[in-house]
Amino acid sequence: MVNNSDALIQRIEQLKKEKDAVILAHYYTTPEVQSVADFLGDSLALSVKAKEINSKIILFAGVHFMAETAKVLSPDKKVLIPNPEAGCSLAESCDAIEFAAFKAQYPNHLVVSYVNTTVGVKALTDICCTSSNALQVVESIPAEQPIIFAPDRNLGGYIKKITGRDNIVLWNGACHVHEEFSLEKILELKKEHPEAKVVVHPECKATVAAVADYVGSTAGILDYCGNSEASEFIVVTESGILSEMRRKYPQKSFIPAPPIDSTCVCNECRYMKMVTLENIISCLENESPEIVLDEDTRKAAERSILNMISI
């Protein structure tokens, strides 16, 4: 007997063939959504993959800025997003008009923006970056060149500390998930699991990153856990990654770090969880909602992303 989830997955596979569509999904989506993805990855990998895809349709199972990025890099493709309401608290913390005014205060600064931004902010950016390559991007810039880093103050602060560059100005933005991890509860978990390694995403606060055995992107965290001799890990990032961790390393144990408020599921991105099998089916059937961008803005944003990819 085929259950409802199996029937939905079968329908999605059928539609992908009929529509010549490829599904890209982020690690933070639900396990069910990840199971129908043709390519699963973090922001950097998905950005590169979007440019390489030959299919007519790209369905982006993720949040709005990711689908925008795919459209920026693949203007000749139809790019769909299952739920256009799936935004990003970090991207929304940096309004393009406000950022343009901020940028004007620092006319000699080069702008490095995290990929978690709107296409409007990317158009104001010199080089994009992700958590995977932010350090590499900043280190590619001459040390004497002042930088604006946007929008994540935690990632920017982490890079500023590692590089020792005092000429980095930070935009004051943050991710609602990574801001909410409790240092005290992580330390309590560490006492309960003294052999566990603490792995932390750099979007977390500096006090949380300071107790990590490893700080890195989702892809970096996955690699670290695979290469480490440890068998137990306290995972301080969005809990959607746990599905891929347990799939890849079934012999290891992964403990999700708790948020400050134990009454809410704050270690989950509510926006990523808005993507479902049902709205993927509807999106493919109707070939809508579609990402449509102003061409001048798209070209300006593309330059900043290609500058990143070329490094």
C-alpha atoms as a PDB file:
ATOM      1  CA  MET A   1       0.000   0.000   0.000  1.00  0.00           C
ATOM      2  CA  VAL A   2       1.406   3.389  -1.021  1.00  0.00           C
ATOM      3  CA  ASN A   3       1.169   6.044   1.719  1.00  0.00           C
ATOM      4  CA  ASN A   4       0.368   9.666   0.992  1.00  0.00           C
ATOM      5  CA  SER A   5       3.987  10.812   1.161  1.00  0.00           C
ATOM      6  CA  ASP A   6       5.051   8.141  -1.329  1.00  0.00           C
ATOM      7  CA  ALA A   7       2.254   9.191  -3.686  1.00  0.00           C
ATOM      8  CA  LEU A   8       3.346  12.835  -3.497  1.00  0.00           C
ATOM      9  CA  ILE A   9       6.962  11.904  -4.179  1.00  0.00           C
ATOM     10  CA  GLN A  10       5.903   9.804  -7.185  1.00  0.00           C
ATOM     11  CA  ARG A  11       3.899  12.733  -8.542  1.00  0.00           C
ATOM     12  CA  ILE A  12       6.880  15.059  -8.151  1.00  0.00           C
ATOM     13  CA  GLU A  13       9.164  12.645 -10.005  1.00  0.00           C
ATOM     14  CA  GLN A  14       6.597  12.404 -12.798  1.00  0.00           C
ATOM     15  CA  LEU A  15       6.294  16.196 -13.064  1.00  0.00           C
ATOM     16  CA  LYS A  16      10.074  16.683 -13.116  1.00  0.00           C
ATOM     17  CA  LYS A  17      10.282  14.469 -16.187  1.00  0.00           C
ATOM     18  CA  GLU A  18       7.287  16.072 -17.914  1.00  0.00           C
ATOM     19  CA  LYS A  19       8.491  19.624 -17.275  1.00  0.00           C
ATOM     20  CA  ASP A  20      12.246  19.086 -17.717  1.00  0.00           C
ATOM     21  CA  ALA A  21      12.664  20.437 -14.204  1.00  0.00           C
ATOM     22  CA  VAL A  22      15.403  20.118 -11.594  1.00  0.00           C
ATOM     23  CA  ILE A  23      14.870  20.623  -7.881  1.00  0.00           C
ATOM     24  CA  LEU A  24      17.562  22.297  -5.799  1.00  0.00           C
ATOM     25  CA  ALA A  25      17.084  22.035  -2.028  1.00  0.00           C
ATOM     26  CA  HIS A  26      18.908  23.479   0.942  1.00  0.00           C
ATOM     27  CA  TYR A  27      19.990  21.378   3.922  1.00  0.00           C
ATOM     28  CA  TYR A  28      17.540  23.286   6.134  1.00  0.00           C
ATOM     29  CA  THR A  29      14.400  22.082   4.350  1.00  0.00           C
ATOM     30  CA  THR A  30      12.441  19.121   5.743  1.00  0.00           C
ATOM     31  CA  PRO A  31      13.670  15.550   5.174  1.00  0.00           C
ATOM     32  CA  GLU A  32      10.714  14.923   2.843  1.00  0.00           C
ATOM     33  CA  VAL A  33      11.637  17.882   0.662  1.00  0.00           C
ATOM     34  CA  GLN A  34      15.306  16.886   0.678  1.00  0.00           C
ATOM     35  CA  SER A  35      14.296  13.431  -0.552  1.00  0.00           C
ATOM     36  CA  VAL A  36      12.930  14.810  -3.858  1.00  0.00           C
ATOM     37  CA  ALA A  37      15.904  17.080  -4.557  1.00  0.00           C
ATOM     38  CA  ASP A  38      18.139  16.449  -7.553  1.00  0.00           C
ATOM     39  CA  PHE A  39      20.810  18.431  -5.772  1.00  0.00           C
ATOM     40  CA  LEU A  40      21.110  19.095  -2.041  1.00  0.00           C
ATOM     41  CA  GLY A  41      23.596  21.592  -0.701  1.00  0.00           C
ATOM     42  CA  ASP A  42      24.510  24.794   1.094  1.00  0.00           C
ATOM     43  CA  SER A  43      24.256  28.292  -0.360  1.00  0.00           C
ATOM     44  CA  LEU A  44      27.573  28.213  -2.230  1.00  0.00           C
ATOM     45  CA  ALA A  45      27.051  24.789  -3.790  1.00  0.00           C
ATOM     46  CA  LEU A  46      23.508  25.661  -4.821  1.00  0.00           C
ATOM     47  CA  SER A  47      24.647  28.970  -6.340  1.00  0.00           C
ATOM     48  CA  VAL A  48      27.214  27.194  -8.490  1.00  0.00           C
ATOM     49  CA  LYS A  49      24.843  24.370  -9.403  1.00  0.00           C
ATOM     50  CA  ALA A  50      22.167  26.852 -10.536  1.00  0.00           C
ATOM     51  CA  LYS A  51      24.585  28.209 -13.114  1.00  0.00           C
ATOM     52  CA  GLU A  52      25.487  24.728 -14.401  1.00  0.00           C
ATOM     53  CA  ILE A  53      21.983  23.306 -14.855  1.00  0.00           C
ATOM     54  CA  ASN A  54      20.767  22.627 -18.401  1.00  0.00           C
ATOM     55  CA  SER A  55      17.108  21.886 -17.641  1.00  0.00           C
ATOM     56  CA  LYS A  56      14.421  24.379 -18.681  1.00  0.00           C
ATOM     57  CA  ILE A  57      13.034  24.773 -15.176  1.00  0.00           C
ATOM     58  CA  ILE A  58      14.761  25.189 -11.819  1.00  0.00           C
ATOM     59  CA  LEU A  59      12.534  24.731  -8.785  1.00  0.00           C
ATOM     60  CA  PHE A  60      14.264  26.100  -5.724  1.00  0.00           C
ATOM     61  CA  ALA A  61      13.184  24.326  -2.554  1.00  0.00           C
ATOM     62  CA  GLY A  62      14.424  26.967  -0.179  1.00  0.00           C
ATOM     63  CA  VAL A  63      13.889  30.621   0.661  1.00  0.00           C
ATOM     64  CA  HIS A  64      13.264  33.556  -1.650  1.00  0.00           C
ATOM     65  CA  PHE A  65      16.794  34.979  -1.904  1.00  0.00           C
ATOM     66  CA  MET A  66      18.086  31.576  -3.024  1.00  0.00           C
ATOM     67  CA  ALA A  67      15.607  31.394  -5.886  1.00  0.00           C
ATOM     68  CA  GLU A  68      16.509  34.964  -6.817  1.00  0.00           C
ATOM     69  CA  THR A  69      20.181  33.986  -6.906  1.00  0.00           C
ATOM     70  CA  ALA A  70      19.395  31.078  -9.222  1.00  0.00           C
ATOM     71  CA  LYS A  71      17.522  33.430 -11.554  1.00  0.00           C
ATOM     72  CA  VAL A  72      20.377  35.936 -11.493  1.00  0.00           C
ATOM     73  CA  LEU A  73      22.748  33.225 -12.687  1.00  0.00           C
ATOM     74  CA  SER A  74      20.301  31.534 -15.082  1.00  0.00           C
ATOM     75  CA  PRO A  75      18.254  34.307 -16.716  1.00  0.00           C
ATOM     76  CA  ASP A  76      17.267  32.034 -19.600  1.00  0.00           C
ATOM     77  CA  LYS A  77      15.742  29.446 -17.250  1.00  0.00           C
ATOM     78  CA  LYS A  78      12.327  29.523 -15.631  1.00  0.00           C
ATOM     79  CA  VAL A  79      13.020  29.643 -11.881  1.00  0.00           C
ATOM     80  CA  LEU A  80      10.188  28.642  -9.572  1.00  0.00           C
ATOM     81  CA  ILE A  81       9.745  28.942  -5.815  1.00  0.00           C
ATOM     82  CA  PRO A  82       7.116  26.722  -4.151  1.00  0.00           C
ATOM     83  CA  ASN A  83       6.212  29.303  -1.507  1.00  0.00           C
ATOM     84  CA  PRO A  84       7.061  32.947  -2.229  1.00  0.00           C
ATOM     85  CA  GLU A  85       6.298  33.770   1.417  1.00  0.00           C
ATOM     86  CA  ALA A  86       9.375  31.776   2.426  1.00  0.00           C
ATOM     87  CA  GLY A  87      11.625  34.712   3.199  1.00  0.00           C
ATOM     88  CA  CYS A  88      14.756  35.028   5.313  1.00  0.00           C
ATOM     89  CA  SER A  89      15.116  37.024   8.523  1.00  0.00           C
ATOM     90  CA  LEU A  90      18.748  37.768   7.683  1.00  0.00           C
ATOM     91  CA  ALA A  91      18.009  39.007   4.153  1.00  0.00           C
ATOM     92  CA  GLU A  92      15.096  41.051   5.462  1.00  0.00           C
ATOM     93  CA  SER A  93      17.361  42.705   8.045  1.00  0.00           C
ATOM     94  CA  CYS A  94      19.110  44.538   5.185  1.00  0.00           C
ATOM     95  CA  ASP A  95      16.787  46.704   3.107  1.00  0.00           C
ATOM     96  CA  ALA A  96      18.342  47.748  -0.223  1.00  0.00           C
ATOM     97  CA  ILE A  97      17.387  51.428   0.103  1.00  0.00           C
ATOM     98  CA  GLU A  98      18.722  51.639   3.650  1.00  0.00           C
ATOM     99  CA  PHE A  99      21.855  49.775   2.632  1.00  0.00           C
ATOM    100  CA  ALA A 100      22.476  52.194  -0.264  1.00  0.00           C
ATOM    101  CA  ALA A 101      22.387  55.077   2.229  1.00  0.00           C
ATOM    102  CA  PHE A 102      24.751  53.183   4.572  1.00  0.00           C
ATOM    103  CA  LYS A 103      27.128  52.445   1.695  1.00  0.00           C
ATOM    104  CA  ALA A 104      27.189  56.130   0.748  1.00  0.00           C
ATOM    105  CA  GLN A 105      28.703  56.903   4.166  1.00  0.00           C
ATOM    106  CA  TYR A 106      31.766  54.822   3.242  1.00  0.00           C
ATOM    107  CA  PRO A 107      32.606  55.779  -0.358  1.00  0.00           C
ATOM    108  CA  ASN A 108      36.080  54.220  -0.285  1.00  0.00           C
ATOM    109  CA  HIS A 109      34.916  50.854   1.051  1.00  0.00           C
ATOM    110  CA  LEU A 110      34.530  47.716  -1.038  1.00  0.00           C
ATOM    111  CA  VAL A 111      31.267  45.878  -0.318  1.00  0.00           C
ATOM    112  CA  VAL A 112      31.273  42.188   0.563  1.00  0.00           C
ATOM    113  CA  SER A 113      27.761  40.831   1.048  1.00  0.00           C
ATOM    114  CA  TYR A 114      26.656  37.454   2.255  1.00  0.00           C
ATOM    115  CA  VAL A 115      24.588  35.562  -0.305  1.00  0.00           C
ATOM    116  CA  ASN A 116      21.702  35.734   2.191  1.00  0.00           C
ATOM    117  CA  THR A 117      20.583  39.077   0.755  1.00  0.00           C
ATOM    118  CA  THR A 118      17.988  40.342  -1.676  1.00  0.00           C
ATOM    119  CA  VAL A 119      18.870  40.872  -5.321  1.00  0.00           C
ATOM    120  CA  GLY A 120      18.731  44.625  -4.639  1.00  0.00           C
ATOM    121  CA  VAL A 121      21.515  44.396  -2.051  1.00  0.00           C
ATOM    122  CA  LYS A 122      23.556  42.099  -4.296  1.00  0.00           C
ATOM    123  CA  ALA A 123      23.311  44.785  -6.992  1.00  0.00           C
ATOM    124  CA  LEU A 124      25.018  47.189  -4.545  1.00  0.00           C
ATOM    125  CA  THR A 125      27.734  44.645  -3.749  1.00  0.00           C
ATOM    126  CA  ASP A 126      31.226  44.207  -5.172  1.00  0.00           C
ATOM    127  CA  ILE A 127      31.740  40.575  -4.139  1.00  0.00           C
ATOM    128  CA  CYS A 128      29.238  38.144  -2.659  1.00  0.00           C
ATOM    129  CA  CYS A 129      30.278  35.448  -0.210  1.00  0.00           C
ATOM    130  CA  THR A 130      28.832  32.509   1.682  1.00  0.00           C
ATOM    131  CA  SER A 131      29.710  31.065   5.057  1.00  0.00           C
ATOM    132  CA  SER A 132      31.830  28.521   3.163  1.00  0.00           C
ATOM    133  CA  ASN A 133      34.044  31.071   1.444  1.00  0.00           C
ATOM    134  CA  ALA A 134      33.680  34.348   3.390  1.00  0.00           C
ATOM    135  CA  LEU A 135      37.208  34.095   4.781  1.00  0.00           C
ATOM    136  CA  GLN A 136      38.634  33.281   1.350  1.00  0.00           C
ATOM    137  CA  VAL A 137      36.783  36.224  -0.216  1.00  0.00           C
ATOM    138  CA  VAL A 138      37.976  38.715   2.413  1.00  0.00           C
ATOM    139  CA  GLU A 139      41.540  37.427   2.267  1.00  0.00           C
ATOM    140  CA  SER A 140      41.529  37.903  -1.523  1.00  0.00           C
ATOM    141  CA  ILE A 141      41.104  41.648  -0.969  1.00  0.00           C
ATOM    142  CA  PRO A 142      44.259  43.726  -0.237  1.00  0.00           C
ATOM    143  CA  ALA A 143      44.674  44.271   3.490  1.00  0.00           C
ATOM    144  CA  GLU A 144      44.714  48.058   3.107  1.00  0.00           C
ATOM    145  CA  GLN A 145      41.333  48.093   1.332  1.00  0.00           C
ATOM    146  CA  PRO A 146      38.513  48.978   3.768  1.00  0.00           C
ATOM    147  CA  ILE A 147      35.442  46.746   3.563  1.00  0.00           C
ATOM    148  CA  ILE A 148      31.740  46.926   4.327  1.00  0.00           C
ATOM    149  CA  PHE A 149      30.523  43.454   5.337  1.00  0.00           C
ATOM    150  CA  ALA A 150      26.784  42.847   5.188  1.00  0.00           C
ATOM    151  CA  PRO A 151      24.341  41.815   6.441  1.00  0.00           C
ATOM    152  CA  ASP A 152      25.331  39.322   9.156  1.00  0.00           C
ATOM    153  CA  ARG A 153      27.116  40.975  12.067  1.00  0.00           C
ATOM    154  CA  ASN A 154      28.065  37.614  13.569  1.00  0.00           C
ATOM    155  CA  LEU A 155      29.655  36.149  10.441  1.00  0.00           C
ATOM    156  CA  GLY A 156      31.297  39.503   9.704  1.00  0.00           C
ATOM    157  CA  GLY A 157      32.576  39.781  13.262  1.00  0.00           C
ATOM    158  CA  TYR A 158      33.960  36.252  13.090  1.00  0.00           C
ATOM    159  CA  ILE A 159      35.829  37.037   9.853  1.00  0.00           C
ATOM    160  CA  LYS A 160      37.046  40.328  11.282  1.00  0.00           C
ATOM    161  CA  LYS A 161      38.444  38.528  14.332  1.00  0.00           C
ATOM    162  CA  ILE A 162      40.172  35.792  12.306  1.00  0.00           C
ATOM    163  CA  THR A 163      41.767  38.210   9.840  1.00  0.00           C
ATOM    164  CA  GLY A 164      42.586  40.904  12.404  1.00  0.00           C
ATOM    165  CA  ARG A 165      41.336  43.521   9.944  1.00  0.00           C
ATOM    166  CA  ASP A 166      40.136  46.604  11.776  1.00  0.00           C
ATOM    167  CA  ASN A 167      39.018  48.248   8.537  1.00  0.00           C
ATOM    168  CA  ILE A 168      35.866  46.091   8.235  1.00  0.00           C
ATOM    169  CA  VAL A 169      32.595  47.927   8.895  1.00  0.00           C
ATOM    170  CA  LEU A 170      29.654  45.671   9.782  1.00  0.00           C
ATOM    171  CA  TRP A 171      26.004  46.045   8.852  1.00  0.00           C
ATOM    172  CA  ASN A 172      23.850  45.205  11.892  1.00  0.00           C
ATOM    173  CA  GLY A 173      21.857  42.186  10.669  1.00  0.00           C
ATOM    174  CA  ALA A 174      21.355  38.663  11.990  1.00  0.00           C
ATOM    175  CA  CYS A 175      19.591  35.322  11.449  1.00  0.00           C
ATOM    176  CA  HIS A 176      16.723  34.632  13.854  1.00  0.00           C
ATOM    177  CA  VAL A 177      17.721  30.964  14.188  1.00  0.00           C
ATOM    178  CA  HIS A 178      21.427  31.391  14.902  1.00  0.00           C
ATOM    179  CA  GLU A 179      20.860  34.326  17.265  1.00  0.00           C
ATOM    180  CA  GLU A 180      18.726  32.181  19.563  1.00  0.00           C
ATOM    181  CA  PHE A 181      21.136  29.447  20.622  1.00  0.00           C
ATOM    182  CA  SER A 182      21.784  29.376  24.348  1.00  0.00           C
ATOM    183  CA  LEU A 183      25.436  29.330  25.446  1.00  0.00           C
ATOM    184  CA  GLU A 184      24.435  28.137  28.908  1.00  0.00           C
ATOM    185  CA  LYS A 185      22.444  25.192  27.538  1.00  0.00           C
ATOM    186  CA  ILE A 186      25.248  24.247  25.151  1.00  0.00           C
ATOM    187  CA  LEU A 187      27.671  24.177  28.091  1.00  0.00           C
ATOM    188  CA  GLU A 188      25.193  22.015  30.039  1.00  0.00           C
ATOM    189  CA  LEU A 189      25.001  19.614  27.088  1.00  0.00           C
ATOM    190  CA  LYS A 190      28.793  19.519  26.969  1.00  0.00           C
ATOM    191  CA  LYS A 191      28.870  18.455  30.628  1.00  0.00           C
ATOM    192  CA  GLU A 192      26.363  15.687  29.873  1.00  0.00           C
ATOM    193  CA  HIS A 193      28.347  14.597  26.803  1.00  0.00           C
ATOM    194  CA  PRO A 194      32.004  15.387  27.607  1.00  0.00           C
ATOM    195  CA  GLU A 195      33.347  13.524  24.561  1.00  0.00           C
ATOM    196  CA  ALA A 196      31.059  15.324  22.121  1.00  0.00           C
ATOM    197  CA  LYS A 197      32.507  17.855  19.692  1.00  0.00           C
ATOM    198  CA  VAL A 198      30.688  21.182  19.416  1.00  0.00           C
ATOM    199  CA  VAL A 199      30.152  22.283  15.808  1.00  0.00           C
ATOM    200  CA  VAL A 200      28.918  25.838  15.256  1.00  0.00           C
ATOM    201  CA  HIS A 201      27.769  27.889  12.277  1.00  0.00           C
ATOM    202  CA  PRO A 202      29.505  31.304  12.076  1.00  0.00           C
ATOM    203  CA  GLU A 203      26.136  33.078  12.001  1.00  0.00           C
ATOM    204  CA  CYS A 204      25.988  32.336  15.749  1.00  0.00           C
ATOM    205  CA  LYS A 205      27.024  34.873  18.355  1.00  0.00           C
ATOM    206  CA  ALA A 206      30.728  35.198  19.159  1.00  0.00           C
ATOM    207  CA  THR A 207      30.198  33.820  22.690  1.00  0.00           C
ATOM    208  CA  VAL A 208      28.745  30.618  21.189  1.00  0.00           C
ATOM    209  CA  ALA A 209      31.438  30.308  18.502  1.00  0.00           C
ATOM    210  CA  ALA A 210      34.079  30.654  21.208  1.00  0.00           C
ATOM    211  CA  VAL A 211      33.179  27.271  22.744  1.00  0.00           C
ATOM    212  CA  ALA A 212      33.186  25.414  19.413  1.00  0.00           C
ATOM    213  CA  ASP A 213      35.542  22.653  18.401  1.00  0.00           C
ATOM    214  CA  TYR A 214      34.749  23.617  14.818  1.00  0.00           C
ATOM    215  CA  VAL A 215      33.177  26.703  13.254  1.00  0.00           C
ATOM    216  CA  GLY A 216      32.026  26.463   9.645  1.00  0.00           C
ATOM    217  CA  SER A 217      29.308  26.384   7.029  1.00  0.00           C
ATOM    218  CA  THR A 218      26.736  23.604   6.798  1.00  0.00           C
ATOM    219  CA  ALA A 219      28.887  21.820   4.204  1.00  0.00           C
ATOM    220  CA  GLY A 220      31.974  22.388   6.348  1.00  0.00           C
ATOM    221  CA  ILE A 221      30.228  21.000   9.420  1.00  0.00           C
ATOM    222  CA  LEU A 222      29.182  17.900   7.487  1.00  0.00           C
ATOM    223  CA  ASP A 223      32.755  17.303   6.320  1.00  0.00           C
ATOM    224  CA  TYR A 224      34.183  17.878   9.785  1.00  0.00           C
ATOM    225  CA  CYS A 225      31.809  15.362  11.362  1.00  0.00           C
ATOM    226  CA  GLY A 226      32.674  12.820   8.696  1.00  0.00           C
ATOM    227  CA  ASN A 227      36.425  13.271   9.078  1.00  0.00           C
ATOM    228  CA  SER A 228      36.485  13.512  12.870  1.00  0.00           C
ATOM    229  CA  GLU A 229      37.247  10.443  14.967  1.00  0.00           C
ATOM    230  CA  ALA A 230      34.589  11.611  17.434  1.00  0.00           C
ATOM    231  CA  SER A 231      31.320   9.697  17.493  1.00  0.00           C
ATOM    232  CA  GLU A 232      29.153  12.363  19.121  1.00  0.00           C
ATOM    233  CA  PHE A 233      28.481  15.972  18.117  1.00  0.00           C
ATOM    234  CA  ILE A 234      26.526  18.902  19.535  1.00  0.00           C
ATOM    235  CA  VAL A 235      25.161  20.657  16.461  1.00  0.00           C
ATOM    236  CA  VAL A 236      24.711  24.426  16.711  1.00  0.00           C
ATOM    237  CA  THR A 237      22.930  25.347  13.502  1.00  0.00           C
ATOM    238  CA  GLU A 238      19.497  24.934  11.941  1.00  0.00           C
ATOM    239  CA  SER A 239      18.195  21.466  12.777  1.00  0.00           C
ATOM    240  CA  GLY A 240      17.340  20.567   9.175  1.00  0.00           C
ATOM    241  CA  ILE A 241      20.962  19.527   8.664  1.00  0.00           C
ATOM    242  CA  LEU A 242      20.491  16.657  11.120  1.00  0.00           C
ATOM    243  CA  SER A 243      18.675  14.611   8.482  1.00  0.00           C
ATOM    244  CA  GLU A 244      21.674  14.676   6.132  1.00  0.00           C
ATOM    245  CA  MET A 245      24.105  14.096   9.001  1.00  0.00           C
ATOM    246  CA  ARG A 246      22.271  10.972  10.140  1.00  0.00           C
ATOM    247  CA  ARG A 247      21.940   9.730   6.564  1.00  0.00           C
ATOM    248  CA  LYS A 248      25.642  10.154   5.817  1.00  0.00           C
ATOM    249  CA  TYR A 249      26.994   9.052   9.199  1.00  0.00           C
ATOM    250  CA  PRO A 250      24.495   6.601  10.742  1.00  0.00           C
ATOM    251  CA  GLN A 251      27.113   5.269  13.171  1.00  0.00           C
ATOM    252  CA  LYS A 252      27.504   8.695  14.801  1.00  0.00           C
ATOM    253  CA  SER A 253      25.270  10.607  17.211  1.00  0.00           C
ATOM    254  CA  PHE A 254      24.100  14.198  16.625  1.00  0.00           C
ATOM    255  CA  ILE A 255      22.581  16.308  19.382  1.00  0.00           C
ATOM    256  CA  PRO A 256      20.730  19.500  18.369  1.00  0.00           C
ATOM    257  CA  ALA A 257      21.685  22.511  20.464  1.00  0.00           C
ATOM    258  CA  PRO A 258      18.708  24.072  22.267  1.00  0.00           C
ATOM    259  CA  PRO A 259      17.512  27.651  21.857  1.00  0.00           C
ATOM    260  CA  ILE A 260      17.257  30.153  24.709  1.00  0.00           C
ATOM    261  CA  ASP A 261      13.465  29.768  24.810  1.00  0.00           C
ATOM    262  CA  SER A 262      12.744  26.085  25.378  1.00  0.00           C
ATOM    263  CA  THR A 263       9.030  26.607  24.633  1.00  0.00           C
ATOM    264  CA  CYS A 264       9.639  27.302  20.944  1.00  0.00           C
ATOM    265  CA  VAL A 265      11.294  25.420  18.107  1.00  0.00           C
ATOM    266  CA  CYS A 266      13.775  28.243  17.573  1.00  0.00           C
ATOM    267  CA  ASN A 267      16.505  26.041  16.121  1.00  0.00           C
ATOM    268  CA  GLU A 268      14.298  25.565  13.059  1.00  0.00           C
ATOM    269  CA  CYS A 269      14.001  28.116  10.272  1.00  0.00           C
ATOM    270  CA  ARG A 270      10.260  28.682   9.977  1.00  0.00           C
ATOM    271  CA  TYR A 271      10.751  29.914   6.418  1.00  0.00           C
ATOM    272  CA  MET A 272      12.560  26.795   5.185  1.00  0.00           C
ATOM    273  CA  LYS A 273       9.804  24.642   6.670  1.00  0.00           C
ATOM    274  CA  MET A 274       7.219  26.493   4.541  1.00  0.00           C
ATOM    275  CA  VAL A 275       8.358  24.440   1.539  1.00  0.00           C
ATOM    276  CA  THR A 276       6.301  21.229   1.351  1.00  0.00           C
ATOM    277  CA  LEU A 277       5.753  18.350  -1.053  1.00  0.00           C
ATOM    278  CA  GLU A 278       2.271  19.704  -1.720  1.00  0.00           C
ATOM    279  CA  ASN A 279       3.377  23.188  -2.754  1.00  0.00           C
ATOM    280  CA  ILE A 280       6.220  21.707  -4.832  1.00  0.00           C
ATOM    281  CA  ILE A 281       3.612  19.743  -6.795  1.00  0.00           C
ATOM    282  CA  SER A 282       1.399  22.790  -7.260  1.00  0.00           C
ATOM    283  CA  CYS A 283       4.398  24.861  -8.322  1.00  0.00           C
ATOM    284  CA  LEU A 284       5.470  22.336 -10.951  1.00  0.00           C
ATOM    285  CA  GLU A 285       1.942  21.777 -12.246  1.00  0.00           C
ATOM    286  CA  ASN A 286       1.296  25.503 -12.708  1.00  0.00           C
ATOM    287  CA  GLU A 287       4.911  26.542 -13.379  1.00  0.00           C
ATOM    288  CA  SER A 288       4.248  29.273 -10.857  1.00  0.00           C
ATOM    289  CA  PRO A 289       5.143  31.239  -8.705  1.00  0.00           C
ATOM    290  CA  GLU A 290       8.027  32.285 -10.938  1.00  0.00           C
ATOM    291  CA  ILE A 291      10.943  34.562 -10.061  1.00  0.00           C
ATOM    292  CA  VAL A 292      10.971  37.623 -12.324  1.00  0.00           C
ATOM    293  CA  LEU A 293      13.740  40.229 -12.004  1.00  0.00           C
ATOM    294  CA  ASP A 294      14.464  43.658 -13.416  1.00  0.00           C
ATOM    295  CA  GLU A 295      17.239  43.094 -15.944  1.00  0.00           C
ATOM    296  CA  ASP A 296      19.455  46.010 -14.867  1.00  0.00           C
ATOM    297  CA  THR A 297      19.285  44.875 -11.250  1.00  0.00           C
ATOM    298  CA  ARG A 298      19.896  41.279 -12.286  1.00  0.00           C
ATOM    299  CA  LYS A 299      23.043  42.189 -14.231  1.00  0.00           C
ATOM    300  CA  ALA A 300      24.435  44.235 -11.336  1.00  0.00           C
ATOM    301  CA  ALA A 301      23.756  41.368  -8.915  1.00  0.00           C
ATOM    302  CA  GLU A 302      25.253  38.829 -11.315  1.00  0.00           C
ATOM    303  CA  ARG A 303      28.563  40.696 -11.345  1.00  0.00           C
ATOM    304  CA  SER A 304      28.899  40.396  -7.567  1.00  0.00           C
ATOM    305  CA  ILE A 305      28.090  36.667  -7.603  1.00  0.00           C
ATOM    306  CA  LEU A 306      30.424  35.907 -10.505  1.00  0.00           C
ATOM    307  CA  ASN A 307      33.178  37.805  -8.691  1.00  0.00           C
ATOM    308  CA  MET A 308      32.660  35.383  -5.820  1.00  0.00           C
ATOM    309  CA  ILE A 309      32.626  32.277  -7.991  1.00  0.00           C
ATOM    310  CA  SER A 310      35.823  33.367  -9.772  1.00  0.00           C
ATOM    311  CA  ILE A 311      37.848  33.532  -6.530  1.00  0.00           C
END
